[in-house]
Amino acid sequence: MLSHEETMRLIAQAQQGDEQATTLLLTENAPLLKSIIKRYLGKHIEYDDLYQIAGIGLLKSIKNFSYEHNVRFSTYAVPMILGEIKRYMRDDGYLKVSRSLKSLSSKITKYADEQLKETGVSPEIEQIAQHFGIEPTEVIFAMDATRVPVSLYETANDRDGKQTELIEHLPTDEDKKMMDRLILKDMLSRLAPRERKIVILRYFRDMTQGEIARKMGVSQVQISRLENKILKKLKELYDGS
């Protein structure tokens, strides 16, 4: 497993054009890619296609990562990988947007821009619906269906004209929980089967060390030692991710 320092060193080398460093980073982060794309299986997209698209997101993460982001690399990479998959699904995957819906969305955008220029105020959903003779829900659907996903780490100007990342302007509790779950799943996948079983029984099924020991046919002392060893290993994985 790569340590945090090794990961940072390889990212720096990859950003300078080192193909071996890039390949190693892709290999080491393969479990993370697999844990992410599992969420999208069964949606009429081939596994290999999903993996390649996720890999593109990871490559973009490697290219754009900086110490200034002040986050672990995996935390930075997850939303970029998700954004790449969602963009693919919207443009080329199973989420096909009809021409009529695209046309309606374009007309709505044009109308909203005209109203903003004329009145200085963006029109409400109900006003747009009345103008086009459709239901408000149709307006919302048309506008949302053609919206292009963006990375949470893309920059935008705030009210003071300062460049900040979009993630700073969004409620991120759920995003963090989702990323933490993906990272945890990735770390668990790197444990040996016996180690993974102990973690699941201890922390997901609330079993005591004694109960786990009886279930696995070993002593409680052995389980205690193994648990400490596993926790140390997980910490190293977390710090190095």
C-alpha atoms as a PDB file:
ATOM      1  CA  MET A   1       0.000   0.000   0.000  1.00  0.00           C
ATOM      2  CA  LEU A   2       1.151   3.514  -0.769  1.00  0.00           C
ATOM      3  CA  SER A   3       1.715   5.881   2.117  1.00  0.00           C
ATOM      4  CA  HIS A   4       0.468   9.472   1.984  1.00  0.00           C
ATOM      5  CA  GLU A   5       3.978  10.678   1.190  1.00  0.00           C
ATOM      6  CA  GLU A   6       4.373   8.120  -1.608  1.00  0.00           C
ATOM      7  CA  THR A   7       1.004   9.119  -3.069  1.00  0.00           C
ATOM      8  CA  MET A   8       1.975  12.788  -3.078  1.00  0.00           C
ATOM      9  CA  ARG A   9       5.343  11.995  -4.652  1.00  0.00           C
ATOM     10  CA  LEU A  10       3.744   9.919  -7.412  1.00  0.00           C
ATOM     11  CA  ILE A  11       1.156  12.624  -8.115  1.00  0.00           C
ATOM     12  CA  ALA A  12       3.944  15.189  -8.508  1.00  0.00           C
ATOM     13  CA  GLN A  13       5.800  12.847 -10.873  1.00  0.00           C
ATOM     14  CA  ALA A  14       2.629  12.077 -12.836  1.00  0.00           C
ATOM     15  CA  GLN A  15       1.910  15.781 -13.248  1.00  0.00           C
ATOM     16  CA  GLN A  16       5.374  16.112 -14.781  1.00  0.00           C
ATOM     17  CA  GLY A  17       4.577  13.449 -17.374  1.00  0.00           C
ATOM     18  CA  ASP A  18       5.868  10.295 -15.650  1.00  0.00           C
ATOM     19  CA  GLU A  19       3.721   7.509 -17.157  1.00  0.00           C
ATOM     20  CA  GLN A  20       4.951   4.878 -14.699  1.00  0.00           C
ATOM     21  CA  ALA A  21       3.837   7.018 -11.765  1.00  0.00           C
ATOM     22  CA  THR A  22       0.429   7.524 -13.402  1.00  0.00           C
ATOM     23  CA  THR A  23       0.029   3.786 -14.021  1.00  0.00           C
ATOM     24  CA  LEU A  24       0.930   2.970 -10.420  1.00  0.00           C
ATOM     25  CA  LEU A  25      -1.598   5.493  -9.105  1.00  0.00           C
ATOM     26  CA  LEU A  26      -4.293   3.988 -11.333  1.00  0.00           C
ATOM     27  CA  THR A  27      -3.425   0.488 -10.101  1.00  0.00           C
ATOM     28  CA  GLU A  28      -3.383   1.448  -6.433  1.00  0.00           C
ATOM     29  CA  ASN A  29      -6.730   3.238  -6.723  1.00  0.00           C
ATOM     30  CA  ALA A  30      -8.445   0.441  -8.669  1.00  0.00           C
ATOM     31  CA  PRO A  31     -10.400  -0.746  -5.585  1.00  0.00           C
ATOM     32  CA  LEU A  32     -11.762   2.791  -5.122  1.00  0.00           C
ATOM     33  CA  LEU A  33     -12.879   2.922  -8.767  1.00  0.00           C
ATOM     34  CA  LYS A  34     -14.589  -0.454  -8.434  1.00  0.00           C
ATOM     35  CA  SER A  35     -16.419   0.577  -5.269  1.00  0.00           C
ATOM     36  CA  ILE A  36     -17.741   3.691  -7.012  1.00  0.00           C
ATOM     37  CA  ILE A  37     -18.908   2.093 -10.256  1.00  0.00           C
ATOM     38  CA  LYS A  38     -20.783  -0.660  -8.401  1.00  0.00           C
ATOM     39  CA  ARG A  39     -23.411   1.999  -7.667  1.00  0.00           C
ATOM     40  CA  TYR A  40     -24.141   2.282 -11.390  1.00  0.00           C
ATOM     41  CA  LEU A  41     -24.183  -1.367 -12.445  1.00  0.00           C
ATOM     42  CA  GLY A  42     -27.420  -2.720 -13.865  1.00  0.00           C
ATOM     43  CA  LYS A  43     -28.240   0.546 -15.619  1.00  0.00           C
ATOM     44  CA  HIS A  44     -27.575  -0.589 -19.197  1.00  0.00           C
ATOM     45  CA  ILE A  45     -23.931   0.460 -19.157  1.00  0.00           C
ATOM     46  CA  GLU A  46     -21.166  -2.111 -19.500  1.00  0.00           C
ATOM     47  CA  TYR A  47     -18.824  -2.582 -16.549  1.00  0.00           C
ATOM     48  CA  ASP A  48     -15.734  -1.984 -18.712  1.00  0.00           C
ATOM     49  CA  ASP A  49     -17.180   1.274 -20.025  1.00  0.00           C
ATOM     50  CA  LEU A  50     -17.931   2.471 -16.501  1.00  0.00           C
ATOM     51  CA  TYR A  51     -14.437   1.531 -15.359  1.00  0.00           C
ATOM     52  CA  GLN A  52     -12.828   3.447 -18.220  1.00  0.00           C
ATOM     53  CA  ILE A  53     -14.932   6.540 -17.534  1.00  0.00           C
ATOM     54  CA  ALA A  54     -14.124   6.348 -13.820  1.00  0.00           C
ATOM     55  CA  GLY A  55     -10.461   6.024 -14.785  1.00  0.00           C
ATOM     56  CA  ILE A  56     -10.721   9.244 -16.793  1.00  0.00           C
ATOM     57  CA  GLY A  57     -12.101  10.963 -13.697  1.00  0.00           C
ATOM     58  CA  LEU A  58      -9.186   9.630 -11.674  1.00  0.00           C
ATOM     59  CA  LEU A  59      -6.696  10.853 -14.282  1.00  0.00           C
ATOM     60  CA  LYS A  60      -8.259  14.325 -14.128  1.00  0.00           C
ATOM     61  CA  SER A  61      -7.962  14.191 -10.335  1.00  0.00           C
ATOM     62  CA  ILE A  62      -4.278  13.329 -10.588  1.00  0.00           C
ATOM     63  CA  LYS A  63      -3.708  16.149 -13.077  1.00  0.00           C
ATOM     64  CA  ASN A  64      -5.533  18.814 -11.045  1.00  0.00           C
ATOM     65  CA  PHE A  65      -4.724  17.787  -7.464  1.00  0.00           C
ATOM     66  CA  SER A  66      -2.815  20.278  -5.330  1.00  0.00           C
ATOM     67  CA  TYR A  67      -1.683  20.501  -1.720  1.00  0.00           C
ATOM     68  CA  GLU A  68      -3.712  23.718  -1.559  1.00  0.00           C
ATOM     69  CA  HIS A  69      -6.950  21.706  -1.652  1.00  0.00           C
ATOM     70  CA  ASN A  70      -6.111  20.641   1.916  1.00  0.00           C
ATOM     71  CA  VAL A  71      -7.895  17.277   1.562  1.00  0.00           C
ATOM     72  CA  ARG A  72      -6.780  13.687   1.118  1.00  0.00           C
ATOM     73  CA  PHE A  73      -6.351  12.664  -2.513  1.00  0.00           C
ATOM     74  CA  SER A  74      -9.163  10.093  -2.372  1.00  0.00           C
ATOM     75  CA  THR A  75     -11.543  12.704  -0.917  1.00  0.00           C
ATOM     76  CA  TYR A  76     -10.648  15.025  -3.783  1.00  0.00           C
ATOM     77  CA  ALA A  77     -10.913  12.277  -6.413  1.00  0.00           C
ATOM     78  CA  VAL A  78     -14.314  10.791  -5.515  1.00  0.00           C
ATOM     79  CA  PRO A  79     -16.526  13.739  -6.580  1.00  0.00           C
ATOM     80  CA  MET A  80     -14.505  14.183  -9.774  1.00  0.00           C
ATOM     81  CA  ILE A  81     -14.926  10.493 -10.644  1.00  0.00           C
ATOM     82  CA  LEU A  82     -18.643  10.671  -9.869  1.00  0.00           C
ATOM     83  CA  GLY A  83     -18.974  13.799 -11.996  1.00  0.00           C
ATOM     84  CA  GLU A  84     -17.280  12.098 -14.936  1.00  0.00           C
ATOM     85  CA  ILE A  85     -19.615   9.092 -14.697  1.00  0.00           C
ATOM     86  CA  LYS A  86     -22.718  11.277 -14.423  1.00  0.00           C
ATOM     87  CA  ARG A  87     -21.587  13.373 -17.379  1.00  0.00           C
ATOM     88  CA  TYR A  88     -21.118  10.221 -19.456  1.00  0.00           C
ATOM     89  CA  MET A  89     -24.494   8.856 -18.403  1.00  0.00           C
ATOM     90  CA  ARG A  90     -26.181  12.093 -19.365  1.00  0.00           C
ATOM     91  CA  ASP A  91     -24.422  12.549 -22.706  1.00  0.00           C
ATOM     92  CA  ASP A  92     -23.775   9.009 -23.937  1.00  0.00           C
ATOM     93  CA  GLY A  93     -25.224   6.583 -21.424  1.00  0.00           C
ATOM     94  CA  TYR A  94     -28.674   5.470 -20.432  1.00  0.00           C
ATOM     95  CA  LEU A  95     -29.941   8.944 -19.535  1.00  0.00           C
ATOM     96  CA  LYS A  96     -30.849  10.009 -23.045  1.00  0.00           C
ATOM     97  CA  VAL A  97     -32.413  13.438 -23.338  1.00  0.00           C
ATOM     98  CA  SER A  98     -34.892  13.734 -26.214  1.00  0.00           C
ATOM     99  CA  ARG A  99     -34.531  16.428 -28.861  1.00  0.00           C
ATOM    100  CA  SER A 100     -37.900  17.899 -27.887  1.00  0.00           C
ATOM    101  CA  LEU A 101     -36.761  18.213 -24.262  1.00  0.00           C
ATOM    102  CA  LYS A 102     -33.485  19.810 -25.314  1.00  0.00           C
ATOM    103  CA  SER A 103     -35.412  22.195 -27.557  1.00  0.00           C
ATOM    104  CA  LEU A 104     -37.782  23.142 -24.737  1.00  0.00           C
ATOM    105  CA  SER A 105     -34.858  23.674 -22.366  1.00  0.00           C
ATOM    106  CA  SER A 106     -33.171  25.938 -24.927  1.00  0.00           C
ATOM    107  CA  LYS A 107     -36.345  27.996 -25.382  1.00  0.00           C
ATOM    108  CA  ILE A 108     -36.777  28.324 -21.620  1.00  0.00           C
ATOM    109  CA  THR A 109     -33.190  29.493 -21.223  1.00  0.00           C
ATOM    110  CA  LYS A 110     -33.606  32.050 -24.025  1.00  0.00           C
ATOM    111  CA  TYR A 111     -36.870  33.334 -22.548  1.00  0.00           C
ATOM    112  CA  ALA A 112     -35.380  33.582 -19.043  1.00  0.00           C
ATOM    113  CA  ASP A 113     -32.369  35.528 -20.385  1.00  0.00           C
ATOM    114  CA  GLU A 114     -34.651  37.938 -22.246  1.00  0.00           C
ATOM    115  CA  GLN A 115     -36.790  38.517 -19.160  1.00  0.00           C
ATOM    116  CA  LEU A 116     -33.713  39.109 -17.041  1.00  0.00           C
ATOM    117  CA  LYS A 117     -32.405  41.730 -19.485  1.00  0.00           C
ATOM    118  CA  GLU A 118     -35.771  43.461 -19.754  1.00  0.00           C
ATOM    119  CA  THR A 119     -36.841  43.444 -16.111  1.00  0.00           C
ATOM    120  CA  GLY A 120     -33.631  42.760 -14.196  1.00  0.00           C
ATOM    121  CA  VAL A 121     -35.337  39.781 -12.516  1.00  0.00           C
ATOM    122  CA  SER A 122     -35.274  36.098 -13.496  1.00  0.00           C
ATOM    123  CA  PRO A 123     -38.792  34.737 -14.180  1.00  0.00           C
ATOM    124  CA  GLU A 124     -40.389  32.321 -11.706  1.00  0.00           C
ATOM    125  CA  ILE A 125     -41.182  28.725 -12.665  1.00  0.00           C
ATOM    126  CA  GLU A 126     -44.916  29.506 -12.781  1.00  0.00           C
ATOM    127  CA  GLN A 127     -44.316  32.463 -15.115  1.00  0.00           C
ATOM    128  CA  ILE A 128     -42.275  30.318 -17.484  1.00  0.00           C
ATOM    129  CA  ALA A 129     -44.909  27.583 -17.426  1.00  0.00           C
ATOM    130  CA  GLN A 130     -47.659  30.082 -18.232  1.00  0.00           C
ATOM    131  CA  HIS A 131     -45.634  31.581 -21.097  1.00  0.00           C
ATOM    132  CA  PHE A 132     -45.123  28.183 -22.744  1.00  0.00           C
ATOM    133  CA  GLY A 133     -48.527  26.762 -21.789  1.00  0.00           C
ATOM    134  CA  ILE A 134     -47.097  23.813 -19.855  1.00  0.00           C
ATOM    135  CA  GLU A 135     -47.099  22.546 -16.272  1.00  0.00           C
ATOM    136  CA  PRO A 136     -44.483  23.894 -13.793  1.00  0.00           C
ATOM    137  CA  THR A 137     -43.181  20.343 -13.313  1.00  0.00           C
ATOM    138  CA  GLU A 138     -42.431  20.167 -17.055  1.00  0.00           C
ATOM    139  CA  VAL A 139     -40.367  23.339 -16.769  1.00  0.00           C
ATOM    140  CA  ILE A 140     -38.356  21.900 -13.885  1.00  0.00           C
ATOM    141  CA  PHE A 141     -37.843  18.576 -15.667  1.00  0.00           C
ATOM    142  CA  ALA A 142     -36.665  20.247 -18.896  1.00  0.00           C
ATOM    143  CA  MET A 143     -34.222  22.501 -17.064  1.00  0.00           C
ATOM    144  CA  ASP A 144     -32.841  19.701 -14.926  1.00  0.00           C
ATOM    145  CA  ALA A 145     -32.575  17.118 -17.713  1.00  0.00           C
ATOM    146  CA  THR A 146     -30.059  19.186 -19.693  1.00  0.00           C
ATOM    147  CA  ARG A 147     -28.031  20.427 -16.766  1.00  0.00           C
ATOM    148  CA  VAL A 148     -24.384  19.378 -17.037  1.00  0.00           C
ATOM    149  CA  PRO A 149     -22.822  17.980 -13.840  1.00  0.00           C
ATOM    150  CA  VAL A 150     -19.754  19.786 -12.560  1.00  0.00           C
ATOM    151  CA  SER A 151     -17.054  18.861 -10.099  1.00  0.00           C
ATOM    152  CA  LEU A 152     -17.433  20.134  -6.565  1.00  0.00           C
ATOM    153  CA  TYR A 153     -13.854  21.339  -6.862  1.00  0.00           C
ATOM    154  CA  GLU A 154     -14.351  23.535  -9.936  1.00  0.00           C
ATOM    155  CA  THR A 155     -13.792  27.216  -9.220  1.00  0.00           C
ATOM    156  CA  ALA A 156     -16.255  30.088  -9.502  1.00  0.00           C
ATOM    157  CA  ASN A 157     -16.344  33.754  -8.520  1.00  0.00           C
ATOM    158  CA  ASP A 158     -18.085  34.611  -5.253  1.00  0.00           C
ATOM    159  CA  ARG A 159     -19.869  37.892  -4.557  1.00  0.00           C
ATOM    160  CA  ASP A 160     -16.577  39.630  -3.863  1.00  0.00           C
ATOM    161  CA  GLY A 161     -15.073  38.397  -7.134  1.00  0.00           C
ATOM    162  CA  LYS A 162     -12.801  35.951  -5.321  1.00  0.00           C
ATOM    163  CA  GLN A 163     -12.117  32.556  -6.893  1.00  0.00           C
ATOM    164  CA  THR A 164     -13.466  29.793  -4.650  1.00  0.00           C
ATOM    165  CA  GLU A 165     -14.368  26.133  -5.139  1.00  0.00           C
ATOM    166  CA  LEU A 166     -18.036  25.226  -5.591  1.00  0.00           C
ATOM    167  CA  ILE A 167     -17.871  22.845  -2.650  1.00  0.00           C
ATOM    168  CA  GLU A 168     -17.433  25.862  -0.356  1.00  0.00           C
ATOM    169  CA  HIS A 169     -20.863  27.158  -1.386  1.00  0.00           C
ATOM    170  CA  LEU A 170     -22.760  23.880  -1.024  1.00  0.00           C
ATOM    171  CA  PRO A 171     -24.139  21.977   1.964  1.00  0.00           C
ATOM    172  CA  THR A 172     -21.677  19.105   2.009  1.00  0.00           C
ATOM    173  CA  ASP A 173     -22.743  16.883   4.918  1.00  0.00           C
ATOM    174  CA  GLU A 174     -24.320  14.278   2.664  1.00  0.00           C
ATOM    175  CA  ASP A 175     -21.472  14.475   0.161  1.00  0.00           C
ATOM    176  CA  LYS A 176     -18.950  13.871   2.922  1.00  0.00           C
ATOM    177  CA  LYS A 177     -20.951  10.947   4.288  1.00  0.00           C
ATOM    178  CA  MET A 178     -21.158   9.424   0.832  1.00  0.00           C
ATOM    179  CA  MET A 179     -17.429   9.883   0.219  1.00  0.00           C
ATOM    180  CA  ASP A 180     -16.584   8.487   3.656  1.00  0.00           C
ATOM    181  CA  ARG A 181     -18.691   5.390   2.926  1.00  0.00           C
ATOM    182  CA  LEU A 182     -16.932   4.861  -0.399  1.00  0.00           C
ATOM    183  CA  ILE A 183     -13.491   5.324   1.139  1.00  0.00           C
ATOM    184  CA  LEU A 184     -14.351   2.987   4.027  1.00  0.00           C
ATOM    185  CA  LYS A 185     -15.613   0.365   1.573  1.00  0.00           C
ATOM    186  CA  ASP A 186     -12.404   0.736  -0.390  1.00  0.00           C
ATOM    187  CA  MET A 187     -10.262   0.275   2.727  1.00  0.00           C
ATOM    188  CA  LEU A 188     -12.251  -2.767   3.872  1.00  0.00           C
ATOM    189  CA  SER A 189     -11.774  -4.369   0.453  1.00  0.00           C
ATOM    190  CA  ARG A 190      -8.014  -4.190   1.016  1.00  0.00           C
ATOM    191  CA  LEU A 191      -8.151  -6.176   4.244  1.00  0.00           C
ATOM    192  CA  ALA A 192      -7.700  -9.937   4.383  1.00  0.00           C
ATOM    193  CA  PRO A 193     -11.019 -11.873   4.600  1.00  0.00           C
ATOM    194  CA  ARG A 194     -10.449 -12.706   8.265  1.00  0.00           C
ATOM    195  CA  GLU A 195      -9.622  -9.104   9.134  1.00  0.00           C
ATOM    196  CA  ARG A 196     -12.665  -7.827   7.245  1.00  0.00           C
ATOM    197  CA  LYS A 197     -14.914 -10.302   9.060  1.00  0.00           C
ATOM    198  CA  ILE A 198     -13.686  -9.108  12.471  1.00  0.00           C
ATOM    199  CA  VAL A 199     -14.325  -5.451  11.557  1.00  0.00           C
ATOM    200  CA  ILE A 200     -17.842  -6.211  10.288  1.00  0.00           C
ATOM    201  CA  LEU A 201     -18.767  -8.275  13.346  1.00  0.00           C
ATOM    202  CA  ARG A 202     -17.246  -5.801  15.789  1.00  0.00           C
ATOM    203  CA  TYR A 203     -18.340  -2.449  14.354  1.00  0.00           C
ATOM    204  CA  PHE A 204     -21.293  -3.192  12.090  1.00  0.00           C
ATOM    205  CA  ARG A 205     -22.996  -5.948  14.101  1.00  0.00           C
ATOM    206  CA  ASP A 206     -21.976  -4.677  17.565  1.00  0.00           C
ATOM    207  CA  MET A 207     -20.572  -8.000  18.744  1.00  0.00           C
ATOM    208  CA  THR A 208     -18.197  -8.110  21.711  1.00  0.00           C
ATOM    209  CA  GLN A 209     -14.676  -9.470  21.432  1.00  0.00           C
ATOM    210  CA  GLY A 210     -15.795 -12.491  23.434  1.00  0.00           C
ATOM    211  CA  GLU A 211     -18.686 -13.219  21.076  1.00  0.00           C
ATOM    212  CA  ILE A 212     -16.424 -12.907  18.049  1.00  0.00           C
ATOM    213  CA  ALA A 213     -13.835 -15.165  19.673  1.00  0.00           C
ATOM    214  CA  ARG A 214     -16.433 -17.901  20.284  1.00  0.00           C
ATOM    215  CA  LYS A 215     -17.777 -17.541  16.750  1.00  0.00           C
ATOM    216  CA  MET A 216     -14.318 -17.824  15.212  1.00  0.00           C
ATOM    217  CA  GLY A 217     -13.027 -20.475  17.611  1.00  0.00           C
ATOM    218  CA  VAL A 218     -10.162 -18.459  19.088  1.00  0.00           C
ATOM    219  CA  SER A 219      -9.437 -16.720  22.374  1.00  0.00           C
ATOM    220  CA  GLN A 220     -10.616 -13.223  23.258  1.00  0.00           C
ATOM    221  CA  VAL A 221      -6.980 -12.188  23.685  1.00  0.00           C
ATOM    222  CA  GLN A 222      -6.294 -13.144  20.083  1.00  0.00           C
ATOM    223  CA  ILE A 223      -9.285 -11.128  18.874  1.00  0.00           C
ATOM    224  CA  SER A 224      -8.134  -8.137  20.926  1.00  0.00           C
ATOM    225  CA  ARG A 225      -4.652  -8.279  19.394  1.00  0.00           C
ATOM    226  CA  LEU A 226      -6.047  -8.741  15.897  1.00  0.00           C
ATOM    227  CA  GLU A 227      -8.453  -5.835  16.360  1.00  0.00           C
ATOM    228  CA  ASN A 228      -5.652  -3.500  17.422  1.00  0.00           C
ATOM    229  CA  LYS A 229      -3.581  -4.617  14.448  1.00  0.00           C
ATOM    230  CA  ILE A 230      -6.493  -4.103  12.055  1.00  0.00           C
ATOM    231  CA  LEU A 231      -7.291  -0.630  13.406  1.00  0.00           C
ATOM    232  CA  LYS A 232      -3.663   0.373  12.956  1.00  0.00           C
ATOM    233  CA  LYS A 233      -3.750  -0.959   9.395  1.00  0.00           C
ATOM    234  CA  LEU A 234      -6.965   0.947   8.622  1.00  0.00           C
ATOM    235  CA  LYS A 235      -5.425   4.147   9.975  1.00  0.00           C
ATOM    236  CA  GLU A 236      -2.421   3.687   7.716  1.00  0.00           C
ATOM    237  CA  LEU A 237      -4.731   3.098   4.731  1.00  0.00           C
ATOM    238  CA  TYR A 238      -6.747   6.192   5.620  1.00  0.00           C
ATOM    239  CA  ASP A 239      -3.689   8.406   6.043  1.00  0.00           C
ATOM    240  CA  GLY A 240      -2.227   7.144   2.789  1.00  0.00           C
ATOM    241  CA  SER A 241      -5.373   7.405   0.693  1.00  0.00           C
END
